[in-house]
């Protein structure tokens, strides 16, 4: 019989604990930006945005028609034959900003449709994607590795893009190619970085 026996539970090094917390927060931030907000935008665009786009397009077309008619009337009142080519150039210049906005919205909707058609990962694959990305963040992110060189920063940016796209296969390959030897330098301002990421998550 063992009396008064204490069980020793190893604890993380305080600085390593901060590094893990910062990595988890960065993961949360990336999730919000890359997946949750994208899904919310997609749902909004499908339910509301498409109708708003159509209404805006019709209003601009109506406004252009009214201006076209007014320019034709002005030419007629001066006893001139309306120069339709010149009139259309005037309209193109006047409504350029609005037509660019219509094209921008149309492209946004096309991107959303492509996103909705993209291959959906299983729960197990999504878990692996998150795990791989978290590991790469800890090894490559400049806030966690202040001595990171250009190659490390470029590799980190690649990891972000693959994670955003849900490209598990490329993220697997990237994780294999990353040098895992040795511990990276420890940043002295982990707490400050944690506060900054927490504030950004709150804004999102």
C-alpha atoms as a PDB file:
ATOM      1  CA  UNK A   1       0.000   0.000   0.000  1.00  0.00           C
ATOM      2  CA  UNK A   2       1.358   3.390  -1.011  1.00  0.00           C
ATOM      3  CA  UNK A   3       0.601   6.248   1.350  1.00  0.00           C
ATOM      4  CA  UNK A   4       1.147   9.872   0.482  1.00  0.00           C
ATOM      5  CA  UNK A   5       2.416   9.069  -2.991  1.00  0.00           C
ATOM      6  CA  UNK A   6       2.321  12.076  -5.318  1.00  0.00           C
ATOM      7  CA  UNK A   7       1.890  11.761  -9.039  1.00  0.00           C
ATOM      8  CA  UNK A   8       4.193  14.020 -11.009  1.00  0.00           C
ATOM      9  CA  UNK A   9       2.531  15.665 -14.009  1.00  0.00           C
ATOM     10  CA  UNK A  10       5.071  17.331 -16.318  1.00  0.00           C
ATOM     11  CA  UNK A  11       4.162  20.867 -17.348  1.00  0.00           C
ATOM     12  CA  UNK A  12       5.086  22.762 -20.435  1.00  0.00           C
ATOM     13  CA  UNK A  13       7.873  25.277 -20.225  1.00  0.00           C
ATOM     14  CA  UNK A  14       6.191  28.695 -19.665  1.00  0.00           C
ATOM     15  CA  UNK A  15       7.679  30.108 -22.865  1.00  0.00           C
ATOM     16  CA  UNK A  16       6.689  27.006 -24.844  1.00  0.00           C
ATOM     17  CA  UNK A  17       3.189  27.376 -23.382  1.00  0.00           C
ATOM     18  CA  UNK A  18       3.066  30.948 -24.741  1.00  0.00           C
ATOM     19  CA  UNK A  19       4.289  29.763 -28.139  1.00  0.00           C
ATOM     20  CA  UNK A  20       1.550  27.139 -28.241  1.00  0.00           C
ATOM     21  CA  UNK A  21      -1.100  29.692 -27.256  1.00  0.00           C
ATOM     22  CA  UNK A  22       0.057  32.101 -29.947  1.00  0.00           C
ATOM     23  CA  UNK A  23       0.041  29.316 -32.562  1.00  0.00           C
ATOM     24  CA  UNK A  24      -3.499  28.330 -31.528  1.00  0.00           C
ATOM     25  CA  UNK A  25      -4.667  31.943 -31.774  1.00  0.00           C
ATOM     26  CA  UNK A  26      -3.099  32.331 -35.225  1.00  0.00           C
ATOM     27  CA  UNK A  27      -4.921  29.177 -36.272  1.00  0.00           C
ATOM     28  CA  UNK A  28      -8.198  30.599 -34.983  1.00  0.00           C
ATOM     29  CA  UNK A  29      -7.611  33.868 -36.841  1.00  0.00           C
ATOM     30  CA  UNK A  30      -6.829  32.028 -40.090  1.00  0.00           C
ATOM     31  CA  UNK A  31      -9.946  29.894 -39.673  1.00  0.00           C
ATOM     32  CA  UNK A  32     -12.070  33.009 -39.307  1.00  0.00           C
ATOM     33  CA  UNK A  33     -10.533  34.723 -42.320  1.00  0.00           C
ATOM     34  CA  UNK A  34     -10.153  31.738 -44.641  1.00  0.00           C
ATOM     35  CA  UNK A  35     -13.167  29.590 -43.926  1.00  0.00           C
ATOM     36  CA  UNK A  36     -15.829  30.995 -41.601  1.00  0.00           C
ATOM     37  CA  UNK A  37     -15.997  34.492 -43.116  1.00  0.00           C
ATOM     38  CA  UNK A  38     -15.807  33.031 -46.629  1.00  0.00           C
ATOM     39  CA  UNK A  39     -18.753  30.734 -45.898  1.00  0.00           C
ATOM     40  CA  UNK A  40     -20.757  33.619 -44.415  1.00  0.00           C
ATOM     41  CA  UNK A  41     -20.018  35.774 -47.466  1.00  0.00           C
ATOM     42  CA  UNK A  42     -20.985  32.901 -49.764  1.00  0.00           C
ATOM     43  CA  UNK A  43     -24.301  32.404 -47.992  1.00  0.00           C
ATOM     44  CA  UNK A  44     -25.003  36.144 -48.047  1.00  0.00           C
ATOM     45  CA  UNK A  45     -24.150  36.490 -51.733  1.00  0.00           C
ATOM     46  CA  UNK A  46     -26.337  33.540 -52.682  1.00  0.00           C
ATOM     47  CA  UNK A  47     -29.339  34.717 -50.648  1.00  0.00           C
ATOM     48  CA  UNK A  48     -29.066  38.501 -50.875  1.00  0.00           C
ATOM     49  CA  UNK A  49     -26.060  39.591 -52.934  1.00  0.00           C
ATOM     50  CA  UNK A  50     -27.351  38.197 -56.231  1.00  0.00           C
ATOM     51  CA  UNK A  51     -30.579  40.191 -55.889  1.00  0.00           C
ATOM     52  CA  UNK A  52     -28.687  43.334 -54.869  1.00  0.00           C
ATOM     53  CA  UNK A  53     -26.427  42.903 -57.910  1.00  0.00           C
ATOM     54  CA  UNK A  54     -29.414  42.604 -60.242  1.00  0.00           C
ATOM     55  CA  UNK A  55     -31.155  45.646 -58.732  1.00  0.00           C
ATOM     56  CA  UNK A  56     -27.969  47.730 -58.982  1.00  0.00           C
ATOM     57  CA  UNK A  57     -27.432  46.675 -62.602  1.00  0.00           C
ATOM     58  CA  UNK A  58     -31.008  47.604 -63.567  1.00  0.00           C
ATOM     59  CA  UNK A  59     -30.776  50.986 -61.832  1.00  0.00           C
ATOM     60  CA  UNK A  60     -27.574  51.844 -63.672  1.00  0.00           C
ATOM     61  CA  UNK A  61     -29.029  50.725 -67.002  1.00  0.00           C
ATOM     62  CA  UNK A  62     -32.116  52.898 -66.360  1.00  0.00           C
ATOM     63  CA  UNK A  63     -29.980  55.894 -65.363  1.00  0.00           C
ATOM     64  CA  UNK A  64     -27.809  55.483 -68.472  1.00  0.00           C
ATOM     65  CA  UNK A  65     -30.911  55.284 -70.662  1.00  0.00           C
ATOM     66  CA  UNK A  66     -32.215  58.531 -69.152  1.00  0.00           C
ATOM     67  CA  UNK A  67     -28.891  60.300 -69.728  1.00  0.00           C
ATOM     68  CA  UNK A  68     -28.698  58.933 -73.274  1.00  0.00           C
ATOM     69  CA  UNK A  69     -32.184  60.294 -73.995  1.00  0.00           C
ATOM     70  CA  UNK A  70     -31.267  63.681 -72.507  1.00  0.00           C
ATOM     71  CA  UNK A  71     -28.113  63.961 -74.642  1.00  0.00           C
ATOM     72  CA  UNK A  72     -30.079  63.044 -77.776  1.00  0.00           C
ATOM     73  CA  UNK A  73     -32.704  65.659 -76.882  1.00  0.00           C
ATOM     74  CA  UNK A  74     -30.018  68.324 -76.413  1.00  0.00           C
ATOM     75  CA  UNK A  75     -28.599  67.592 -79.878  1.00  0.00           C
ATOM     76  CA  UNK A  76     -32.081  67.680 -81.409  1.00  0.00           C
ATOM     77  CA  UNK A  77     -32.891  71.002 -79.706  1.00  0.00           C
ATOM     78  CA  UNK A  78     -29.753  72.463 -81.297  1.00  0.00           C
ATOM     79  CA  UNK A  79     -30.936  71.204 -84.679  1.00  0.00           C
ATOM     80  CA  UNK A  80     -28.085  68.673 -84.871  1.00  0.00           C
ATOM     81  CA  UNK A  81     -28.069  65.010 -85.766  1.00  0.00           C
ATOM     82  CA  UNK A  82     -27.255  63.103 -82.536  1.00  0.00           C
ATOM     83  CA  UNK A  83     -23.714  61.721 -82.614  1.00  0.00           C
ATOM     84  CA  UNK A  84     -24.391  58.351 -80.982  1.00  0.00           C
ATOM     85  CA  UNK A  85     -20.711  57.365 -80.858  1.00  0.00           C
ATOM     86  CA  UNK A  86     -19.853  60.527 -78.919  1.00  0.00           C
ATOM     87  CA  UNK A  87     -22.901  60.088 -76.673  1.00  0.00           C
ATOM     88  CA  UNK A  88     -21.875  56.523 -75.794  1.00  0.00           C
ATOM     89  CA  UNK A  89     -18.340  57.693 -74.975  1.00  0.00           C
ATOM     90  CA  UNK A  90     -19.776  60.358 -72.650  1.00  0.00           C
ATOM     91  CA  UNK A  91     -21.935  57.742 -70.952  1.00  0.00           C
ATOM     92  CA  UNK A  92     -19.037  55.286 -70.639  1.00  0.00           C
ATOM     93  CA  UNK A  93     -16.924  57.965 -68.965  1.00  0.00           C
ATOM     94  CA  UNK A  94     -19.724  59.130 -66.656  1.00  0.00           C
ATOM     95  CA  UNK A  95     -20.726  55.636 -65.531  1.00  0.00           C
ATOM     96  CA  UNK A  96     -17.293  54.004 -65.567  1.00  0.00           C
ATOM     97  CA  UNK A  97     -17.109  53.710 -61.777  1.00  0.00           C
ATOM     98  CA  UNK A  98     -20.551  52.099 -61.576  1.00  0.00           C
ATOM     99  CA  UNK A  99     -19.927  49.603 -64.369  1.00  0.00           C
ATOM    100  CA  UNK A 100     -16.598  48.626 -62.764  1.00  0.00           C
ATOM    101  CA  UNK A 101     -18.475  47.935 -59.525  1.00  0.00           C
ATOM    102  CA  UNK A 102     -20.943  45.699 -61.405  1.00  0.00           C
ATOM    103  CA  UNK A 103     -18.064  43.713 -62.929  1.00  0.00           C
ATOM    104  CA  UNK A 104     -16.362  43.461 -59.531  1.00  0.00           C
ATOM    105  CA  UNK A 105     -19.521  42.052 -57.935  1.00  0.00           C
ATOM    106  CA  UNK A 106     -20.023  39.616 -60.797  1.00  0.00           C
ATOM    107  CA  UNK A 107     -16.467  38.330 -60.371  1.00  0.00           C
ATOM    108  CA  UNK A 108     -17.003  37.969 -56.620  1.00  0.00           C
ATOM    109  CA  UNK A 109     -20.073  35.845 -57.283  1.00  0.00           C
ATOM    110  CA  UNK A 110     -18.128  33.678 -59.746  1.00  0.00           C
ATOM    111  CA  UNK A 111     -15.444  33.114 -57.079  1.00  0.00           C
ATOM    112  CA  UNK A 112     -18.104  32.108 -54.563  1.00  0.00           C
ATOM    113  CA  UNK A 113     -19.600  29.635 -57.020  1.00  0.00           C
ATOM    114  CA  UNK A 114     -16.146  28.147 -57.618  1.00  0.00           C
ATOM    115  CA  UNK A 115     -15.667  27.888 -53.851  1.00  0.00           C
ATOM    116  CA  UNK A 116     -19.013  26.135 -53.417  1.00  0.00           C
ATOM    117  CA  UNK A 117     -18.127  23.666 -56.170  1.00  0.00           C
ATOM    118  CA  UNK A 118     -14.728  22.902 -54.618  1.00  0.00           C
ATOM    119  CA  UNK A 119     -14.033  19.479 -53.195  1.00  0.00           C
ATOM    120  CA  UNK A 120     -15.191  19.213 -49.574  1.00  0.00           C
ATOM    121  CA  UNK A 121     -12.814  17.572 -47.104  1.00  0.00           C
ATOM    122  CA  UNK A 122     -14.004  14.895 -44.705  1.00  0.00           C
ATOM    123  CA  UNK A 123     -13.888  15.625 -40.961  1.00  0.00           C
ATOM    124  CA  UNK A 124     -10.741  13.519 -40.680  1.00  0.00           C
ATOM    125  CA  UNK A 125      -9.065  15.351 -43.585  1.00  0.00           C
ATOM    126  CA  UNK A 126     -10.076  18.734 -42.123  1.00  0.00           C
ATOM    127  CA  UNK A 127      -8.517  17.721 -38.805  1.00  0.00           C
ATOM    128  CA  UNK A 128      -5.310  16.706 -40.577  1.00  0.00           C
ATOM    129  CA  UNK A 129      -5.307  19.987 -42.546  1.00  0.00           C
ATOM    130  CA  UNK A 130      -5.554  21.996 -39.316  1.00  0.00           C
ATOM    131  CA  UNK A 131      -2.895  19.888 -37.589  1.00  0.00           C
ATOM    132  CA  UNK A 132      -0.416  20.249 -40.463  1.00  0.00           C
ATOM    133  CA  UNK A 133      -1.035  23.978 -40.704  1.00  0.00           C
ATOM    134  CA  UNK A 134      -0.632  24.501 -36.947  1.00  0.00           C
ATOM    135  CA  UNK A 135       2.707  22.668 -37.057  1.00  0.00           C
ATOM    136  CA  UNK A 136       3.903  24.774 -39.981  1.00  0.00           C
ATOM    137  CA  UNK A 137       2.828  27.991 -38.238  1.00  0.00           C
ATOM    138  CA  UNK A 138       4.940  27.093 -35.192  1.00  0.00           C
ATOM    139  CA  UNK A 139       7.964  26.314 -37.358  1.00  0.00           C
ATOM    140  CA  UNK A 140       7.718  29.165 -39.858  1.00  0.00           C
ATOM    141  CA  UNK A 141       5.667  32.159 -38.666  1.00  0.00           C
ATOM    142  CA  UNK A 142       7.874  35.274 -38.226  1.00  0.00           C
ATOM    143  CA  UNK A 143       6.257  36.140 -34.866  1.00  0.00           C
ATOM    144  CA  UNK A 144       7.322  32.760 -33.504  1.00  0.00           C
ATOM    145  CA  UNK A 145      10.645  32.738 -35.360  1.00  0.00           C
ATOM    146  CA  UNK A 146      12.161  36.244 -35.303  1.00  0.00           C
ATOM    147  CA  UNK A 147      15.270  35.005 -37.144  1.00  0.00           C
ATOM    148  CA  UNK A 148      13.214  33.602 -40.030  1.00  0.00           C
ATOM    149  CA  UNK A 149      14.888  34.154 -43.388  1.00  0.00           C
ATOM    150  CA  UNK A 150      13.200  34.910 -46.720  1.00  0.00           C
ATOM    151  CA  UNK A 151      12.875  31.211 -47.579  1.00  0.00           C
ATOM    152  CA  UNK A 152      11.050  30.490 -44.320  1.00  0.00           C
ATOM    153  CA  UNK A 153       8.711  33.437 -44.820  1.00  0.00           C
ATOM    154  CA  UNK A 154       7.995  32.363 -48.409  1.00  0.00           C
ATOM    155  CA  UNK A 155       7.307  28.797 -47.261  1.00  0.00           C
ATOM    156  CA  UNK A 156       4.962  30.118 -44.571  1.00  0.00           C
ATOM    157  CA  UNK A 157       3.069  32.145 -47.184  1.00  0.00           C
ATOM    158  CA  UNK A 158       2.721  28.991 -49.281  1.00  0.00           C
ATOM    159  CA  UNK A 159       1.306  27.167 -46.240  1.00  0.00           C
ATOM    160  CA  UNK A 160      -1.265  29.949 -45.745  1.00  0.00           C
ATOM    161  CA  UNK A 161      -2.385  29.737 -49.368  1.00  0.00           C
ATOM    162  CA  UNK A 162      -2.693  25.937 -49.286  1.00  0.00           C
ATOM    163  CA  UNK A 163      -4.635  26.123 -46.028  1.00  0.00           C
ATOM    164  CA  UNK A 164      -7.001  28.776 -47.396  1.00  0.00           C
ATOM    165  CA  UNK A 165      -7.627  26.636 -50.479  1.00  0.00           C
ATOM    166  CA  UNK A 166      -8.111  23.498 -48.376  1.00  0.00           C
ATOM    167  CA  UNK A 167      -5.362  21.851 -50.429  1.00  0.00           C
ATOM    168  CA  UNK A 168      -4.490  18.962 -48.117  1.00  0.00           C
ATOM    169  CA  UNK A 169      -2.190  17.173 -50.563  1.00  0.00           C
ATOM    170  CA  UNK A 170       0.082  20.174 -51.127  1.00  0.00           C
ATOM    171  CA  UNK A 171       0.111  20.975 -47.414  1.00  0.00           C
ATOM    172  CA  UNK A 172       1.225  17.387 -46.734  1.00  0.00           C
ATOM    173  CA  UNK A 173       4.079  17.744 -49.193  1.00  0.00           C
ATOM    174  CA  UNK A 174       5.068  21.124 -47.751  1.00  0.00           C
ATOM    175  CA  UNK A 175       5.112  19.721 -44.210  1.00  0.00           C
ATOM    176  CA  UNK A 176       7.459  16.932 -45.351  1.00  0.00           C
ATOM    177  CA  UNK A 177       9.876  19.374 -46.982  1.00  0.00           C
ATOM    178  CA  UNK A 178      10.119  21.724 -43.973  1.00  0.00           C
ATOM    179  CA  UNK A 179      13.267  21.219 -41.922  1.00  0.00           C
ATOM    180  CA  UNK A 180      12.203  19.992 -38.490  1.00  0.00           C
ATOM    181  CA  UNK A 181      15.649  19.908 -36.925  1.00  0.00           C
ATOM    182  CA  UNK A 182      16.356  22.030 -33.850  1.00  0.00           C
ATOM    183  CA  UNK A 183      14.220  24.491 -31.958  1.00  0.00           C
ATOM    184  CA  UNK A 184      13.662  27.899 -33.570  1.00  0.00           C
ATOM    185  CA  UNK A 185      14.716  31.065 -31.746  1.00  0.00           C
ATOM    186  CA  UNK A 186      12.365  32.144 -28.947  1.00  0.00           C
ATOM    187  CA  UNK A 187      10.766  35.593 -29.389  1.00  0.00           C
ATOM    188  CA  UNK A 188      10.853  37.892 -26.383  1.00  0.00           C
ATOM    189  CA  UNK A 189       7.494  39.545 -27.049  1.00  0.00           C
ATOM    190  CA  UNK A 190       5.190  36.508 -27.199  1.00  0.00           C
ATOM    191  CA  UNK A 191       2.682  38.050 -24.787  1.00  0.00           C
ATOM    192  CA  UNK A 192       2.433  41.212 -26.889  1.00  0.00           C
ATOM    193  CA  UNK A 193       1.904  39.146 -30.045  1.00  0.00           C
ATOM    194  CA  UNK A 194      -0.800  37.127 -28.289  1.00  0.00           C
ATOM    195  CA  UNK A 195      -2.632  40.328 -27.299  1.00  0.00           C
ATOM    196  CA  UNK A 196      -2.428  41.635 -30.880  1.00  0.00           C
ATOM    197  CA  UNK A 197      -3.850  38.428 -32.380  1.00  0.00           C
ATOM    198  CA  UNK A 198      -6.608  38.284 -29.728  1.00  0.00           C
ATOM    199  CA  UNK A 199      -7.581  41.858 -30.573  1.00  0.00           C
ATOM    200  CA  UNK A 200      -7.661  41.040 -34.300  1.00  0.00           C
ATOM    201  CA  UNK A 201      -9.848  37.977 -33.659  1.00  0.00           C
ATOM    202  CA  UNK A 202     -12.235  40.175 -31.657  1.00  0.00           C
ATOM    203  CA  UNK A 203     -12.445  42.675 -34.555  1.00  0.00           C
ATOM    204  CA  UNK A 204     -13.165  39.850 -37.028  1.00  0.00           C
END
